[in-house]
Amino acid sequence: MMARGLQALGRLKVGAMNQTEAAYARTLELRKAAGEVAWYKFEGLKFRLADNTFYTPDFAVLLAGGALEAHEVKGHWQDDARAKIKIAADMYPLRFVAVQALPKKAGGGWKMEEF
């Protein structure tokens, strides 16, 4: 049995960014400085998908034009994460964006997929 206070392997405390999320936050800061993004917040939205089932995207992003988006940042996609973002996109009238880090040896950057 797991002792109280221990977390699943690979999980960070709520509100703590992993390296990929921190790198994407830097990208959002650059977009903010360029006037493309008005505001963003890490884990700023929480969506109810079903009873006792919630989805918290990595970033809530308000674009300069007023559109609110939910950005999910992954180094690698697991099927359950992909299912949750698709379900949320079907239920809520926002743009949901999957953001995947591209390998540095391939030039780095981000691959974006809209749901």
PDB file of N, CA and C in Angstrom:
ATOM      1  N   MET A   1       0.835  -1.173   0.000  1.00  0.00           N
ATOM      2  CA  MET A   1       0.000   0.000   0.000  1.00  0.00           C
ATOM      3  C   MET A   1       0.888   1.247   0.000  1.00  0.00           C
ATOM      4  N   MET A   2       0.427   2.298  -0.733  1.00  0.00           N
ATOM      5  CA  MET A   2       1.204   3.517  -0.855  1.00  0.00           C
ATOM      6  C   MET A   2       1.028   4.363   0.410  1.00  0.00           C
ATOM      7  N   ALA A   3       2.117   4.894   0.914  1.00  0.00           N
ATOM      8  CA  ALA A   3       2.050   5.755   2.097  1.00  0.00           C
ATOM      9  C   ALA A   3       1.371   7.072   1.737  1.00  0.00           C
ATOM     10  N   ARG A   4       0.711   7.671   2.715  1.00  0.00           N
ATOM     11  CA  ARG A   4       0.049   8.956   2.475  1.00  0.00           C
ATOM     12  C   ARG A   4       1.071  10.003   2.074  1.00  0.00           C
ATOM     13  N   GLY A   5       0.673  10.841   1.116  1.00  0.00           N
ATOM     14  CA  GLY A   5       1.541  11.934   0.713  1.00  0.00           C
ATOM     15  C   GLY A   5       2.450  11.587  -0.456  1.00  0.00           C
ATOM     16  N   LEU A   6       2.587  10.307  -0.786  1.00  0.00           N
ATOM     17  CA  LEU A   6       3.407   9.950  -1.933  1.00  0.00           C
ATOM     18  C   LEU A   6       2.591  10.108  -3.200  1.00  0.00           C
ATOM     19  N   GLN A   7       3.276  10.421  -4.290  1.00  0.00           N
ATOM     20  CA  GLN A   7       2.596  10.631  -5.551  1.00  0.00           C
ATOM     21  C   GLN A   7       2.970   9.516  -6.518  1.00  0.00           C
ATOM     22  N   ALA A   8       2.112   9.352  -7.533  1.00  0.00           N
ATOM     23  CA  ALA A   8       2.408   8.377  -8.575  1.00  0.00           C
ATOM     24  C   ALA A   8       3.713   8.765  -9.259  1.00  0.00           C
ATOM     25  N   LEU A   9       4.427   7.771  -9.747  1.00  0.00           N
ATOM     26  CA  LEU A   9       5.670   8.045 -10.452  1.00  0.00           C
ATOM     27  C   LEU A   9       5.415   8.962 -11.635  1.00  0.00           C
ATOM     28  N   GLY A  10       6.308   9.918 -11.858  1.00  0.00           N
ATOM     29  CA  GLY A  10       6.195  10.810 -12.991  1.00  0.00           C
ATOM     30  C   GLY A  10       5.255  11.986 -12.767  1.00  0.00           C
ATOM     31  N   ARG A  11       4.605  12.072 -11.628  1.00  0.00           N
ATOM     32  CA  ARG A  11       3.656  13.151 -11.356  1.00  0.00           C
ATOM     33  C   ARG A  11       4.321  14.194 -10.465  1.00  0.00           C
ATOM     34  N   LEU A  12       4.032  15.449 -10.750  1.00  0.00           N
ATOM     35  CA  LEU A  12       4.509  16.549  -9.921  1.00  0.00           C
ATOM     36  C   LEU A  12       3.363  17.035  -9.054  1.00  0.00           C
ATOM     37  N   LYS A  13       3.690  17.797  -8.023  1.00  0.00           N
ATOM     38  CA  LYS A  13       2.645  18.384  -7.187  1.00  0.00           C
ATOM     39  C   LYS A  13       1.743  19.256  -8.042  1.00  0.00           C
ATOM     40  N   VAL A  14       0.474  19.341  -7.661  1.00  0.00           N
ATOM     41  CA  VAL A  14      -0.464  20.215  -8.354  1.00  0.00           C
ATOM     42  C   VAL A  14       0.097  21.627  -8.348  1.00  0.00           C
ATOM     43  N   GLY A  15       0.074  22.274  -9.498  1.00  0.00           N
ATOM     44  CA  GLY A  15       0.595  23.634  -9.604  1.00  0.00           C
ATOM     45  C   GLY A  15       2.065  23.710  -9.965  1.00  0.00           C
ATOM     46  N   ALA A  16       2.749  22.555 -10.031  1.00  0.00           N
ATOM     47  CA  ALA A  16       4.169  22.536 -10.398  1.00  0.00           C
ATOM     48  C   ALA A  16       4.308  22.131 -11.865  1.00  0.00           C
ATOM     49  N   MET A  17       5.071  22.896 -12.620  1.00  0.00           N
ATOM     50  CA  MET A  17       5.284  22.597 -14.036  1.00  0.00           C
ATOM     51  C   MET A  17       6.438  21.628 -14.223  1.00  0.00           C
ATOM     52  N   ASN A  18       6.290  20.736 -15.204  1.00  0.00           N
ATOM     53  CA  ASN A  18       7.432  19.916 -15.601  1.00  0.00           C
ATOM     54  C   ASN A  18       8.280  20.733 -16.588  1.00  0.00           C
ATOM     55  N   GLN A  19       9.381  20.175 -17.068  1.00  0.00           N
ATOM     56  CA  GLN A  19      10.288  20.926 -17.942  1.00  0.00           C
ATOM     57  C   GLN A  19       9.632  21.326 -19.255  1.00  0.00           C
ATOM     58  N   THR A  20       8.813  20.446 -19.826  1.00  0.00           N
ATOM     59  CA  THR A  20       8.152  20.743 -21.097  1.00  0.00           C
ATOM     60  C   THR A  20       7.138  21.872 -20.914  1.00  0.00           C
ATOM     61  N   GLU A  21       6.367  21.809 -19.839  1.00  0.00           N
ATOM     62  CA  GLU A  21       5.394  22.871 -19.551  1.00  0.00           C
ATOM     63  C   GLU A  21       6.092  24.206 -19.295  1.00  0.00           C
ATOM     64  N   ALA A  22       7.201  24.180 -18.581  1.00  0.00           N
ATOM     65  CA  ALA A  22       7.958  25.408 -18.309  1.00  0.00           C
ATOM     66  C   ALA A  22       8.498  26.006 -19.607  1.00  0.00           C
ATOM     67  N   ALA A  23       8.960  25.158 -20.518  1.00  0.00           N
ATOM     68  CA  ALA A  23       9.443  25.642 -21.818  1.00  0.00           C
ATOM     69  C   ALA A  23       8.292  26.263 -22.612  1.00  0.00           C
ATOM     70  N   TYR A  24       7.110  25.651 -22.542  1.00  0.00           N
ATOM     71  CA  TYR A  24       5.957  26.215 -23.255  1.00  0.00           C
ATOM     72  C   TYR A  24       5.520  27.530 -22.616  1.00  0.00           C
ATOM     73  N   ALA A  25       5.615  27.654 -21.296  1.00  0.00           N
ATOM     74  CA  ALA A  25       5.296  28.911 -20.623  1.00  0.00           C
ATOM     75  C   ALA A  25       6.206  30.027 -21.142  1.00  0.00           C
ATOM     76  N   ARG A  26       7.473  29.708 -21.398  1.00  0.00           N
ATOM     77  CA  ARG A  26       8.390  30.702 -21.963  1.00  0.00           C
ATOM     78  C   ARG A  26       7.933  31.111 -23.363  1.00  0.00           C
ATOM     79  N   THR A  27       7.430  30.147 -24.132  1.00  0.00           N
ATOM     80  CA  THR A  27       6.892  30.455 -25.467  1.00  0.00           C
ATOM     81  C   THR A  27       5.670  31.367 -25.339  1.00  0.00           C
ATOM     82  N   LEU A  28       4.795  31.085 -24.375  1.00  0.00           N
ATOM     83  CA  LEU A  28       3.629  31.941 -24.165  1.00  0.00           C
ATOM     84  C   LEU A  28       4.047  33.352 -23.751  1.00  0.00           C
ATOM     85  N   GLU A  29       5.106  33.466 -22.957  1.00  0.00           N
ATOM     86  CA  GLU A  29       5.614  34.786 -22.571  1.00  0.00           C
ATOM     87  C   GLU A  29       6.084  35.560 -23.806  1.00  0.00           C
ATOM     88  N   LEU A  30       6.768  34.872 -24.727  1.00  0.00           N
ATOM     89  CA  LEU A  30       7.212  35.527 -25.963  1.00  0.00           C
ATOM     90  C   LEU A  30       6.017  35.971 -26.797  1.00  0.00           C
ATOM     91  N   ARG A  31       4.976  35.118 -26.866  1.00  0.00           N
ATOM     92  CA  ARG A  31       3.758  35.464 -27.607  1.00  0.00           C
ATOM     93  C   ARG A  31       3.032  36.630 -26.938  1.00  0.00           C
ATOM     94  N   LYS A  32       3.105  36.690 -25.620  1.00  0.00           N
ATOM     95  CA  LYS A  32       2.501  37.805 -24.878  1.00  0.00           C
ATOM     96  C   LYS A  32       3.249  39.103 -25.197  1.00  0.00           C
ATOM     97  N   ALA A  33       4.570  39.048 -25.186  1.00  0.00           N
ATOM     98  CA  ALA A  33       5.391  40.220 -25.503  1.00  0.00           C
ATOM     99  C   ALA A  33       5.158  40.689 -26.937  1.00  0.00           C
ATOM    100  N   ALA A  34       4.840  39.745 -27.834  1.00  0.00           N
ATOM    101  CA  ALA A  34       4.588  40.077 -29.237  1.00  0.00           C
ATOM    102  C   ALA A  34       3.156  40.568 -29.467  1.00  0.00           C
ATOM    103  N   GLY A  35       2.327  40.538 -28.411  1.00  0.00           N
ATOM    104  CA  GLY A  35       0.969  41.020 -28.539  1.00  0.00           C
ATOM    105  C   GLY A  35      -0.035  39.991 -29.020  1.00  0.00           C
ATOM    106  N   GLU A  36       0.367  38.716 -29.144  1.00  0.00           N
ATOM    107  CA  GLU A  36      -0.544  37.663 -29.605  1.00  0.00           C
ATOM    108  C   GLU A  36      -1.392  37.102 -28.463  1.00  0.00           C
ATOM    109  N   VAL A  37      -0.827  37.063 -27.265  1.00  0.00           N
ATOM    110  CA  VAL A  37      -1.492  36.507 -26.091  1.00  0.00           C
ATOM    111  C   VAL A  37      -1.710  37.634 -25.087  1.00  0.00           C
ATOM    112  N   ALA A  38      -2.949  37.763 -24.595  1.00  0.00           N
ATOM    113  CA  ALA A  38      -3.254  38.806 -23.607  1.00  0.00           C
ATOM    114  C   ALA A  38      -2.971  38.318 -22.187  1.00  0.00           C
ATOM    115  N   TRP A  39      -3.194  37.007 -21.942  1.00  0.00           N
ATOM    116  CA  TRP A  39      -3.086  36.449 -20.592  1.00  0.00           C
ATOM    117  C   TRP A  39      -3.001  34.934 -20.704  1.00  0.00           C
ATOM    118  N   TYR A  40      -2.353  34.317 -19.734  1.00  0.00           N
ATOM    119  CA  TYR A  40      -2.382  32.852 -19.624  1.00  0.00           C
ATOM    120  C   TYR A  40      -2.185  32.474 -18.164  1.00  0.00           C
ATOM    121  N   LYS A  41      -2.662  31.288 -17.820  1.00  0.00           N
ATOM    122  CA  LYS A  41      -2.501  30.802 -16.443  1.00  0.00           C
ATOM    123  C   LYS A  41      -2.303  29.296 -16.481  1.00  0.00           C
ATOM    124  N   PHE A  42      -1.306  28.822 -15.767  1.00  0.00           N
ATOM    125  CA  PHE A  42      -1.044  27.387 -15.648  1.00  0.00           C
ATOM    126  C   PHE A  42      -2.148  26.753 -14.812  1.00  0.00           C
ATOM    127  N   GLU A  43      -2.724  25.686 -15.321  1.00  0.00           N
ATOM    128  CA  GLU A  43      -3.822  24.959 -14.667  1.00  0.00           C
ATOM    129  C   GLU A  43      -4.937  25.916 -14.226  1.00  0.00           C
ATOM    130  N   GLY A  44      -5.287  26.853 -15.104  1.00  0.00           N
ATOM    131  CA  GLY A  44      -6.251  27.895 -14.784  1.00  0.00           C
ATOM    132  C   GLY A  44      -7.713  27.535 -14.991  1.00  0.00           C
ATOM    133  N   LEU A  45      -7.994  26.412 -15.628  1.00  0.00           N
ATOM    134  CA  LEU A  45      -9.368  25.969 -15.869  1.00  0.00           C
ATOM    135  C   LEU A  45      -9.508  24.506 -15.476  1.00  0.00           C
ATOM    136  N   LYS A  46     -10.712  24.136 -15.057  1.00  0.00           N
ATOM    137  CA  LYS A  46     -11.002  22.742 -14.725  1.00  0.00           C
ATOM    138  C   LYS A  46     -12.377  22.420 -15.306  1.00  0.00           C
ATOM    139  N   PHE A  47     -12.455  21.349 -16.085  1.00  0.00           N
ATOM    140  CA  PHE A  47     -13.692  20.969 -16.752  1.00  0.00           C
ATOM    141  C   PHE A  47     -14.235  19.661 -16.183  1.00  0.00           C
ATOM    142  N   ARG A  48     -15.536  19.644 -15.917  1.00  0.00           N
ATOM    143  CA  ARG A  48     -16.191  18.403 -15.490  1.00  0.00           C
ATOM    144  C   ARG A  48     -16.569  17.632 -16.749  1.00  0.00           C
ATOM    145  N   LEU A  49     -16.103  16.389 -16.857  1.00  0.00           N
ATOM    146  CA  LEU A  49     -16.424  15.542 -18.001  1.00  0.00           C
ATOM    147  C   LEU A  49     -17.547  14.561 -17.672  1.00  0.00           C
ATOM    148  N   ALA A  50     -17.613  14.135 -16.427  1.00  0.00           N
ATOM    149  CA  ALA A  50     -18.639  13.202 -15.940  1.00  0.00           C
ATOM    150  C   ALA A  50     -18.580  13.244 -14.414  1.00  0.00           C
ATOM    151  N   ASP A  51     -19.448  12.489 -13.756  1.00  0.00           N
ATOM    152  CA  ASP A  51     -19.382  12.429 -12.300  1.00  0.00           C
ATOM    153  C   ASP A  51     -17.993  11.963 -11.875  1.00  0.00           C
ATOM    154  N   ASN A  52     -17.353  12.723 -11.001  1.00  0.00           N
ATOM    155  CA  ASN A  52     -16.023  12.387 -10.477  1.00  0.00           C
ATOM    156  C   ASN A  52     -14.945  12.278 -11.552  1.00  0.00           C
ATOM    157  N   THR A  53     -15.162  12.888 -12.711  1.00  0.00           N
ATOM    158  CA  THR A  53     -14.160  12.885 -13.784  1.00  0.00           C
ATOM    159  C   THR A  53     -13.963  14.314 -14.263  1.00  0.00           C
ATOM    160  N   PHE A  54     -12.743  14.799 -14.093  1.00  0.00           N
ATOM    161  CA  PHE A  54     -12.422  16.171 -14.450  1.00  0.00           C
ATOM    162  C   PHE A  54     -11.214  16.196 -15.368  1.00  0.00           C
ATOM    163  N   TYR A  55     -11.098  17.297 -16.099  1.00  0.00           N
ATOM    164  CA  TYR A  55      -9.950  17.509 -16.967  1.00  0.00           C
ATOM    165  C   TYR A  55      -9.434  18.922 -16.711  1.00  0.00           C
ATOM    166  N   THR A  56      -8.162  19.033 -16.369  1.00  0.00           N
ATOM    167  CA  THR A  56      -7.512  20.325 -16.151  1.00  0.00           C
ATOM    168  C   THR A  56      -6.417  20.482 -17.192  1.00  0.00           C
ATOM    169  N   PRO A  57      -6.666  21.291 -18.233  1.00  0.00           N
ATOM    170  CA  PRO A  57      -5.609  21.505 -19.229  1.00  0.00           C
ATOM    171  C   PRO A  57      -4.435  22.247 -18.593  1.00  0.00           C
ATOM    172  N   ASP A  58      -3.277  22.108 -19.192  1.00  0.00           N
ATOM    173  CA  ASP A  58      -2.070  22.719 -18.637  1.00  0.00           C
ATOM    174  C   ASP A  58      -2.153  24.244 -18.593  1.00  0.00           C
ATOM    175  N   PHE A  59      -2.693  24.851 -19.651  1.00  0.00           N
ATOM    176  CA  PHE A  59      -2.750  26.305 -19.707  1.00  0.00           C
ATOM    177  C   PHE A  59      -4.101  26.790 -20.207  1.00  0.00           C
ATOM    178  N   ALA A  60      -4.635  27.800 -19.542  1.00  0.00           N
ATOM    179  CA  ALA A  60      -5.736  28.600 -20.072  1.00  0.00           C
ATOM    180  C   ALA A  60      -5.051  29.774 -20.757  1.00  0.00           C
ATOM    181  N   VAL A  61      -5.417  30.032 -22.014  1.00  0.00           N
ATOM    182  CA  VAL A  61      -4.751  31.073 -22.798  1.00  0.00           C
ATOM    183  C   VAL A  61      -5.802  32.003 -23.393  1.00  0.00           C
ATOM    184  N   LEU A  62      -5.702  33.285 -23.088  1.00  0.00           N
ATOM    185  CA  LEU A  62      -6.576  34.286 -23.669  1.00  0.00           C
ATOM    186  C   LEU A  62      -5.795  34.997 -24.765  1.00  0.00           C
ATOM    187  N   LEU A  63      -6.255  34.850 -25.986  1.00  0.00           N
ATOM    188  CA  LEU A  63      -5.585  35.488 -27.114  1.00  0.00           C
ATOM    189  C   LEU A  63      -5.912  36.979 -27.139  1.00  0.00           C
ATOM    190  N   ALA A  64      -5.086  37.751 -27.806  1.00  0.00           N
ATOM    191  CA  ALA A  64      -5.271  39.202 -27.866  1.00  0.00           C
ATOM    192  C   ALA A  64      -6.630  39.568 -28.460  1.00  0.00           C
ATOM    193  N   GLY A  65      -7.158  38.749 -29.348  1.00  0.00           N
ATOM    194  CA  GLY A  65      -8.451  39.015 -29.963  1.00  0.00           C
ATOM    195  C   GLY A  65      -9.637  38.674 -29.081  1.00  0.00           C
ATOM    196  N   GLY A  66      -9.398  38.100 -27.898  1.00  0.00           N
ATOM    197  CA  GLY A  66     -10.468  37.798 -26.958  1.00  0.00           C
ATOM    198  C   GLY A  66     -10.879  36.337 -26.888  1.00  0.00           C
ATOM    199  N   ALA A  67     -10.344  35.481 -27.749  1.00  0.00           N
ATOM    200  CA  ALA A  67     -10.692  34.055 -27.720  1.00  0.00           C
ATOM    201  C   ALA A  67      -9.957  33.356 -26.571  1.00  0.00           C
ATOM    202  N   LEU A  68     -10.696  32.513 -25.843  1.00  0.00           N
ATOM    203  CA  LEU A  68     -10.110  31.729 -24.760  1.00  0.00           C
ATOM    204  C   LEU A  68      -9.825  30.326 -25.269  1.00  0.00           C
ATOM    205  N   GLU A  69      -8.627  29.832 -25.002  1.00  0.00           N
ATOM    206  CA  GLU A  69      -8.212  28.502 -25.438  1.00  0.00           C
ATOM    207  C   GLU A  69      -7.707  27.697 -24.249  1.00  0.00           C
ATOM    208  N   ALA A  70      -7.743  26.382 -24.394  1.00  0.00           N
ATOM    209  CA  ALA A  70      -7.169  25.462 -23.413  1.00  0.00           C
ATOM    210  C   ALA A  70      -6.033  24.714 -24.100  1.00  0.00           C
ATOM    211  N   HIS A  71      -4.818  24.826 -23.579  1.00  0.00           N
ATOM    212  CA  HIS A  71      -3.642  24.199 -24.185  1.00  0.00           C
ATOM    213  C   HIS A  71      -3.148  23.063 -23.296  1.00  0.00           C
ATOM    214  N   GLU A  72      -3.001  21.892 -23.876  1.00  0.00           N
ATOM    215  CA  GLU A  72      -2.474  20.706 -23.188  1.00  0.00           C
ATOM    216  C   GLU A  72      -1.094  20.417 -23.753  1.00  0.00           C
ATOM    217  N   VAL A  73      -0.073  20.429 -22.911  1.00  0.00           N
ATOM    218  CA  VAL A  73       1.317  20.271 -23.340  1.00  0.00           C
ATOM    219  C   VAL A  73       1.806  18.870 -22.999  1.00  0.00           C
ATOM    220  N   LYS A  74       2.350  18.188 -23.987  1.00  0.00           N
ATOM    221  CA  LYS A  74       2.857  16.833 -23.779  1.00  0.00           C
ATOM    222  C   LYS A  74       4.199  16.660 -24.486  1.00  0.00           C
ATOM    223  N   GLY A  75       5.052  15.871 -23.865  1.00  0.00           N
ATOM    224  CA  GLY A  75       6.253  15.406 -24.549  1.00  0.00           C
ATOM    225  C   GLY A  75       5.884  14.187 -25.375  1.00  0.00           C
ATOM    226  N   HIS A  76       4.976  13.378 -24.812  1.00  0.00           N
ATOM    227  CA  HIS A  76       4.479  12.158 -25.466  1.00  0.00           C
ATOM    228  C   HIS A  76       3.025  11.981 -25.057  1.00  0.00           C
ATOM    229  N   TRP A  77       2.167  11.599 -26.002  1.00  0.00           N
ATOM    230  CA  TRP A  77       0.735  11.448 -25.723  1.00  0.00           C
ATOM    231  C   TRP A  77       0.378  10.040 -25.314  1.00  0.00           C
ATOM    232  N   GLN A  78      -0.363   9.919 -24.216  1.00  0.00           N
ATOM    233  CA  GLN A  78      -0.972   8.659 -23.803  1.00  0.00           C
ATOM    234  C   GLN A  78      -2.423   8.688 -24.278  1.00  0.00           C
ATOM    235  N   ASP A  79      -3.010   7.522 -24.548  1.00  0.00           N
ATOM    236  CA  ASP A  79      -4.372   7.460 -25.068  1.00  0.00           C
ATOM    237  C   ASP A  79      -5.396   8.100 -24.143  1.00  0.00           C
ATOM    238  N   ASP A  80      -5.240   7.947 -22.817  1.00  0.00           N
ATOM    239  CA  ASP A  80      -6.233   8.515 -21.900  1.00  0.00           C
ATOM    240  C   ASP A  80      -6.227  10.043 -21.938  1.00  0.00           C
ATOM    241  N   ALA A  81      -5.061  10.657 -22.084  1.00  0.00           N
ATOM    242  CA  ALA A  81      -4.976  12.116 -22.167  1.00  0.00           C
ATOM    243  C   ALA A  81      -5.624  12.606 -23.458  1.00  0.00           C
ATOM    244  N   ARG A  82      -5.402  11.909 -24.545  1.00  0.00           N
ATOM    245  CA  ARG A  82      -5.991  12.273 -25.832  1.00  0.00           C
ATOM    246  C   ARG A  82      -7.517  12.144 -25.758  1.00  0.00           C
ATOM    247  N   ALA A  83      -8.004  11.109 -25.094  1.00  0.00           N
ATOM    248  CA  ALA A  83      -9.451  10.910 -24.962  1.00  0.00           C
ATOM    249  C   ALA A  83     -10.074  12.050 -24.160  1.00  0.00           C
ATOM    250  N   LYS A  84      -9.439  12.453 -23.072  1.00  0.00           N
ATOM    251  CA  LYS A  84      -9.997  13.520 -22.234  1.00  0.00           C
ATOM    252  C   LYS A  84     -10.083  14.845 -22.985  1.00  0.00           C
ATOM    253  N   ILE A  85      -9.066  15.200 -23.748  1.00  0.00           N
ATOM    254  CA  ILE A  85      -9.108  16.477 -24.465  1.00  0.00           C
ATOM    255  C   ILE A  85     -10.175  16.426 -25.561  1.00  0.00           C
ATOM    256  N   LYS A  86     -10.359  15.276 -26.199  1.00  0.00           N
ATOM    257  CA  LYS A  86     -11.401  15.143 -27.227  1.00  0.00           C
ATOM    258  C   LYS A  86     -12.790  15.253 -26.609  1.00  0.00           C
ATOM    259  N   ILE A  87     -12.997  14.626 -25.474  1.00  0.00           N
ATOM    260  CA  ILE A  87     -14.290  14.698 -24.783  1.00  0.00           C
ATOM    261  C   ILE A  87     -14.577  16.141 -24.364  1.00  0.00           C
ATOM    262  N   ALA A  88     -13.583  16.810 -23.778  1.00  0.00           N
ATOM    263  CA  ALA A  88     -13.762  18.199 -23.355  1.00  0.00           C
ATOM    264  C   ALA A  88     -14.083  19.095 -24.551  1.00  0.00           C
ATOM    265  N   ALA A  89     -13.405  18.886 -25.672  1.00  0.00           N
ATOM    266  CA  ALA A  89     -13.643  19.691 -26.872  1.00  0.00           C
ATOM    267  C   ALA A  89     -15.060  19.501 -27.403  1.00  0.00           C
ATOM    268  N   ASP A  90     -15.610  18.302 -27.247  1.00  0.00           N
ATOM    269  CA  ASP A  90     -16.988  18.045 -27.675  1.00  0.00           C
ATOM    270  C   ASP A  90     -18.006  18.682 -26.736  1.00  0.00           C
ATOM    271  N   MET A  91     -17.638  18.852 -25.475  1.00  0.00           N
ATOM    272  CA  MET A  91     -18.583  19.336 -24.461  1.00  0.00           C
ATOM    273  C   MET A  91     -18.578  20.850 -24.271  1.00  0.00           C
ATOM    274  N   TYR A  92     -17.430  21.505 -24.498  1.00  0.00           N
ATOM    275  CA  TYR A  92     -17.280  22.914 -24.149  1.00  0.00           C
ATOM    276  C   TYR A  92     -16.920  23.751 -25.375  1.00  0.00           C
ATOM    277  N   PRO A  93     -17.483  24.983 -25.461  1.00  0.00           N
ATOM    278  CA  PRO A  93     -17.281  25.831 -26.646  1.00  0.00           C
ATOM    279  C   PRO A  93     -15.981  26.643 -26.609  1.00  0.00           C
ATOM    280  N   LEU A  94     -14.871  25.959 -26.425  1.00  0.00           N
ATOM    281  CA  LEU A  94     -13.550  26.599 -26.475  1.00  0.00           C
ATOM    282  C   LEU A  94     -12.726  25.878 -27.526  1.00  0.00           C
ATOM    283  N   ARG A  95     -11.648  26.496 -27.891  1.00  0.00           N
ATOM    284  CA  ARG A  95     -10.673  25.835 -28.748  1.00  0.00           C
ATOM    285  C   ARG A  95      -9.706  25.095 -27.827  1.00  0.00           C
ATOM    286  N   PHE A  96      -9.600  23.781 -28.014  1.00  0.00           N
ATOM    287  CA  PHE A  96      -8.657  22.964 -27.259  1.00  0.00           C
ATOM    288  C   PHE A  96      -7.482  22.661 -28.174  1.00  0.00           C
ATOM    289  N   VAL A  97      -6.272  22.911 -27.673  1.00  0.00           N
ATOM    290  CA  VAL A  97      -5.070  22.754 -28.476  1.00  0.00           C
ATOM    291  C   VAL A  97      -4.111  21.799 -27.769  1.00  0.00           C
ATOM    292  N   ALA A  98      -3.717  20.754 -28.498  1.00  0.00           N
ATOM    293  CA  ALA A  98      -2.684  19.847 -27.998  1.00  0.00           C
ATOM    294  C   ALA A  98      -1.346  20.379 -28.499  1.00  0.00           C
ATOM    295  N   VAL A  99      -0.407  20.525 -27.587  1.00  0.00           N
ATOM    296  CA  VAL A  99       0.905  21.075 -27.907  1.00  0.00           C
ATOM    297  C   VAL A  99       1.937  20.004 -27.584  1.00  0.00           C
ATOM    298  N   GLN A 100       2.701  19.609 -28.587  1.00  0.00           N
ATOM    299  CA  GLN A 100       3.710  18.571 -28.368  1.00  0.00           C
ATOM    300  C   GLN A 100       5.084  19.126 -28.703  1.00  0.00           C
ATOM    301  N   ALA A 101       6.032  18.890 -27.807  1.00  0.00           N
ATOM    302  CA  ALA A 101       7.403  19.341 -28.020  1.00  0.00           C
ATOM    303  C   ALA A 101       8.026  18.541 -29.152  1.00  0.00           C
ATOM    304  N   LEU A 102       8.659  19.229 -30.086  1.00  0.00           N
ATOM    305  CA  LEU A 102       9.386  18.563 -31.167  1.00  0.00           C
ATOM    306  C   LEU A 102      10.829  18.331 -30.725  1.00  0.00           C
ATOM    307  N   PRO A 103      11.442  17.244 -31.187  1.00  0.00           N
ATOM    308  CA  PRO A 103      12.820  16.941 -30.773  1.00  0.00           C
ATOM    309  C   PRO A 103      13.789  18.065 -31.128  1.00  0.00           C
ATOM    310  N   LYS A 104      14.707  18.341 -30.222  1.00  0.00           N
ATOM    311  CA  LYS A 104      15.701  19.389 -30.457  1.00  0.00           C
ATOM    312  C   LYS A 104      16.560  19.081 -31.676  1.00  0.00           C
ATOM    313  N   LYS A 105      16.866  17.783 -31.891  1.00  0.00           N
ATOM    314  CA  LYS A 105      17.705  17.429 -33.045  1.00  0.00           C
ATOM    315  C   LYS A 105      16.979  17.689 -34.368  1.00  0.00           C
ATOM    316  N   ALA A 106      15.646  17.829 -34.304  1.00  0.00           N
ATOM    317  CA  ALA A 106      14.857  18.145 -35.501  1.00  0.00           C
ATOM    318  C   ALA A 106      14.568  19.644 -35.575  1.00  0.00           C
ATOM    319  N   GLY A 107      15.211  20.430 -34.726  1.00  0.00           N
ATOM    320  CA  GLY A 107      15.030  21.874 -34.750  1.00  0.00           C
ATOM    321  C   GLY A 107      14.192  22.420 -33.616  1.00  0.00           C
ATOM    322  N   GLY A 108      13.571  21.529 -32.822  1.00  0.00           N
ATOM    323  CA  GLY A 108      12.781  21.962 -31.680  1.00  0.00           C
ATOM    324  C   GLY A 108      11.482  22.623 -32.098  1.00  0.00           C
ATOM    325  N   GLY A 109      10.903  23.352 -31.182  1.00  0.00           N
ATOM    326  CA  GLY A 109       9.635  24.010 -31.453  1.00  0.00           C
ATOM    327  C   GLY A 109       8.456  23.183 -30.968  1.00  0.00           C
ATOM    328  N   TRP A 110       7.282  23.491 -31.498  1.00  0.00           N
ATOM    329  CA  TRP A 110       6.053  22.893 -31.013  1.00  0.00           C
ATOM    330  C   TRP A 110       5.169  22.443 -32.163  1.00  0.00           C
ATOM    331  N   LYS A 111       4.578  21.283 -32.033  1.00  0.00           N
ATOM    332  CA  LYS A 111       3.566  20.789 -32.963  1.00  0.00           C
ATOM    333  C   LYS A 111       2.218  21.066 -32.313  1.00  0.00           C
ATOM    334  N   MET A 112       1.321  21.742 -33.037  1.00  0.00           N
ATOM    335  CA  MET A 112       0.011  22.097 -32.497  1.00  0.00           C
ATOM    336  C   MET A 112      -1.071  21.302 -33.218  1.00  0.00           C
ATOM    337  N   GLU A 113      -2.022  20.814 -32.437  1.00  0.00           N
ATOM    338  CA  GLU A 113      -3.157  20.078 -32.988  1.00  0.00           C
ATOM    339  C   GLU A 113      -4.420  20.609 -32.320  1.00  0.00           C
ATOM    340  N   GLU A 114      -5.376  21.050 -33.125  1.00  0.00           N
ATOM    341  CA  GLU A 114      -6.612  21.604 -32.589  1.00  0.00           C
ATOM    342  C   GLU A 114      -7.677  20.533 -32.505  1.00  0.00           C
ATOM    343  N   PHE A 115      -8.476  20.567 -31.421  1.00  0.00           N
ATOM    344  CA  PHE A 115      -9.588  19.640 -31.254  1.00  0.00           C
ATOM    345  C   PHE A 115     -10.885  20.404 -31.303  1.00  0.00           C
TER     346      PHE A 115
END
